[in-house]
Amino acid sequence: QNSSSEEIFFLSRGECDVFVTDQTATQKFVTVLKTGNYFGEVGVLKDCKRTATVLSKSYSTCAELSKSYFNSIIATFPFIKESMEHRMKNHYNDRWKSFTKRTLRNI
């Protein structure tokens, strides 16, 4: 959903499909999240609206970490934030975002 991002979710059981909206406003399947994966970090770290839709494939259990608790944790353990930002930079391939950035650079 495109709601305000105030929490990170950790998948403790189950599997979830992840979808993003492309340049034609079509939902595209991106990946499957498995036990131990997390989502919502982009919105929390970048203070932006959610960019993906996460749907459970069957019964799933998630743990929720609020933005305020997350900020308390990274104040003590800054490497966690650095690790998440590194993962976002190197593992998320959003072609619409890349296209938009290239277009804006050219203008």
Protein backbone atom coordinates (compact mmCIF):
# COMPACT_ATOMS: atom_id res chain seq x y z
CA GLN A 1 0.00 0.00 0.00
CA ASN A 2 1.10 3.59 -0.47
CA SER A 3 0.59 4.55 3.16
CA SER A 4 3.03 6.39 5.37
CA SER A 5 6.00 4.22 6.29
CA GLU A 6 6.28 3.97 10.02
CA GLU A 7 7.42 0.38 10.50
CA ILE A 8 9.64 -2.42 9.25
CA PHE A 9 8.23 -5.94 9.11
CA PHE A 10 10.21 -9.15 9.60
CA LEU A 11 8.78 -12.33 8.14
CA SER A 12 9.05 -14.99 10.84
CA ARG A 13 6.95 -17.63 9.06
CA GLY A 14 5.57 -18.10 5.56
CA GLU A 15 6.23 -16.64 2.13
CA CYS A 16 5.11 -13.38 0.53
CA ASP A 17 5.08 -12.12 -3.06
CA VAL A 18 6.40 -8.61 -3.70
CA PHE A 19 4.98 -6.40 -6.45
CA VAL A 20 5.96 -2.92 -7.63
CA THR A 21 4.12 -0.57 -9.95
CA ASP A 22 5.93 0.09 -13.23
CA GLN A 23 5.87 3.12 -15.54
CA THR A 24 2.58 1.97 -17.09
CA ALA A 25 0.92 1.76 -13.64
CA THR A 26 0.93 -2.05 -13.87
CA GLN A 27 1.74 -4.18 -10.85
CA LYS A 28 4.80 -6.34 -11.63
CA PHE A 29 5.97 -9.32 -9.62
CA VAL A 30 9.48 -8.74 -8.25
CA THR A 31 10.43 -11.49 -5.81
CA VAL A 32 9.35 -13.87 -3.08
CA LEU A 33 10.13 -13.07 0.54
CA LYS A 34 10.90 -16.05 2.75
CA THR A 35 11.26 -16.60 6.47
CA GLY A 36 13.90 -14.22 7.83
CA ASN A 37 13.41 -11.54 5.15
CA TYR A 38 12.15 -8.07 5.97
CA PHE A 39 10.26 -5.30 4.18
CA GLY A 40 9.26 -1.70 4.77
CA GLU A 41 12.84 -0.57 5.29
CA VAL A 42 12.91 1.65 2.19
CA GLY A 43 10.11 3.85 3.49
CA VAL A 44 11.54 4.01 6.99
CA LEU A 45 15.13 4.70 5.94
CA LYS A 46 14.24 7.18 3.19
CA ASP A 47 11.21 8.68 4.98
CA CYS A 48 8.97 8.14 1.98
CA LYS A 49 5.73 6.38 1.10
CA ARG A 50 5.74 2.66 0.52
CA THR A 51 6.86 1.61 -2.95
CA ALA A 52 5.89 -2.06 -3.00
CA THR A 53 2.93 -4.28 -2.29
CA VAL A 54 3.62 -7.39 -0.21
CA LEU A 55 1.05 -10.19 -0.31
CA SER A 56 1.15 -13.34 1.78
CA LYS A 57 1.08 -16.55 -0.26
CA SER A 58 -0.60 -18.39 2.61
CA TYR A 59 -0.53 -18.10 6.40
CA SER A 60 2.36 -15.83 7.43
CA THR A 61 3.60 -14.37 10.68
CA CYS A 62 5.39 -11.03 10.83
CA ALA A 63 7.07 -9.07 13.58
CA GLU A 64 6.68 -5.30 13.44
CA LEU A 65 9.38 -2.81 14.40
CA SER A 66 8.24 0.79 14.67
CA LYS A 67 10.26 3.61 13.17
CA SER A 68 10.96 5.07 16.62
CA TYR A 69 12.29 1.74 17.97
CA PHE A 70 14.31 1.24 14.81
CA ASN A 71 15.88 4.69 15.25
CA SER A 72 16.75 3.79 18.85
CA ILE A 73 18.42 0.59 17.70
CA ILE A 74 20.47 2.22 14.95
CA ALA A 75 21.62 4.96 17.34
CA THR A 76 23.42 2.18 19.24
CA PHE A 77 24.19 -0.07 16.26
CA PRO A 78 24.69 2.19 13.20
CA PHE A 79 26.05 -0.72 11.13
CA ILE A 80 22.48 -2.05 10.85
CA LYS A 81 21.35 1.04 8.95
CA GLU A 82 24.50 0.93 6.80
CA SER A 83 23.87 -2.73 6.00
CA MET A 84 20.24 -2.10 5.02
CA GLU A 85 21.19 0.88 2.83
CA HIS A 86 23.91 -1.19 1.13
CA ARG A 87 21.37 -3.96 0.46
CA MET A 88 18.86 -1.46 -0.98
CA LYS A 89 21.48 0.07 -3.27
CA ASN A 90 22.82 -3.24 -4.57
CA HIS A 91 19.79 -5.55 -4.62
CA TYR A 92 16.80 -3.45 -5.61
CA ASN A 93 16.47 -3.02 -9.34
CA ASP A 94 13.60 -0.66 -10.08
CA ARG A 95 13.66 0.05 -13.82
CA TRP A 96 11.02 2.81 -13.58
CA LYS A 97 13.07 4.64 -10.94
CA SER A 98 16.22 4.23 -13.04
CA PHE A 99 14.42 5.56 -16.12
CA THR A 100 13.12 8.56 -14.18
CA LYS A 101 16.56 9.36 -12.77
CA ARG A 102 18.16 9.16 -16.23
CA THR A 103 15.48 11.40 -17.69
CA LEU A 104 15.86 13.99 -14.94
CA ARG A 105 19.65 14.01 -15.35
CA ASN A 106 19.22 14.70 -19.06
CA ILE A 107 16.90 17.65 -18.51
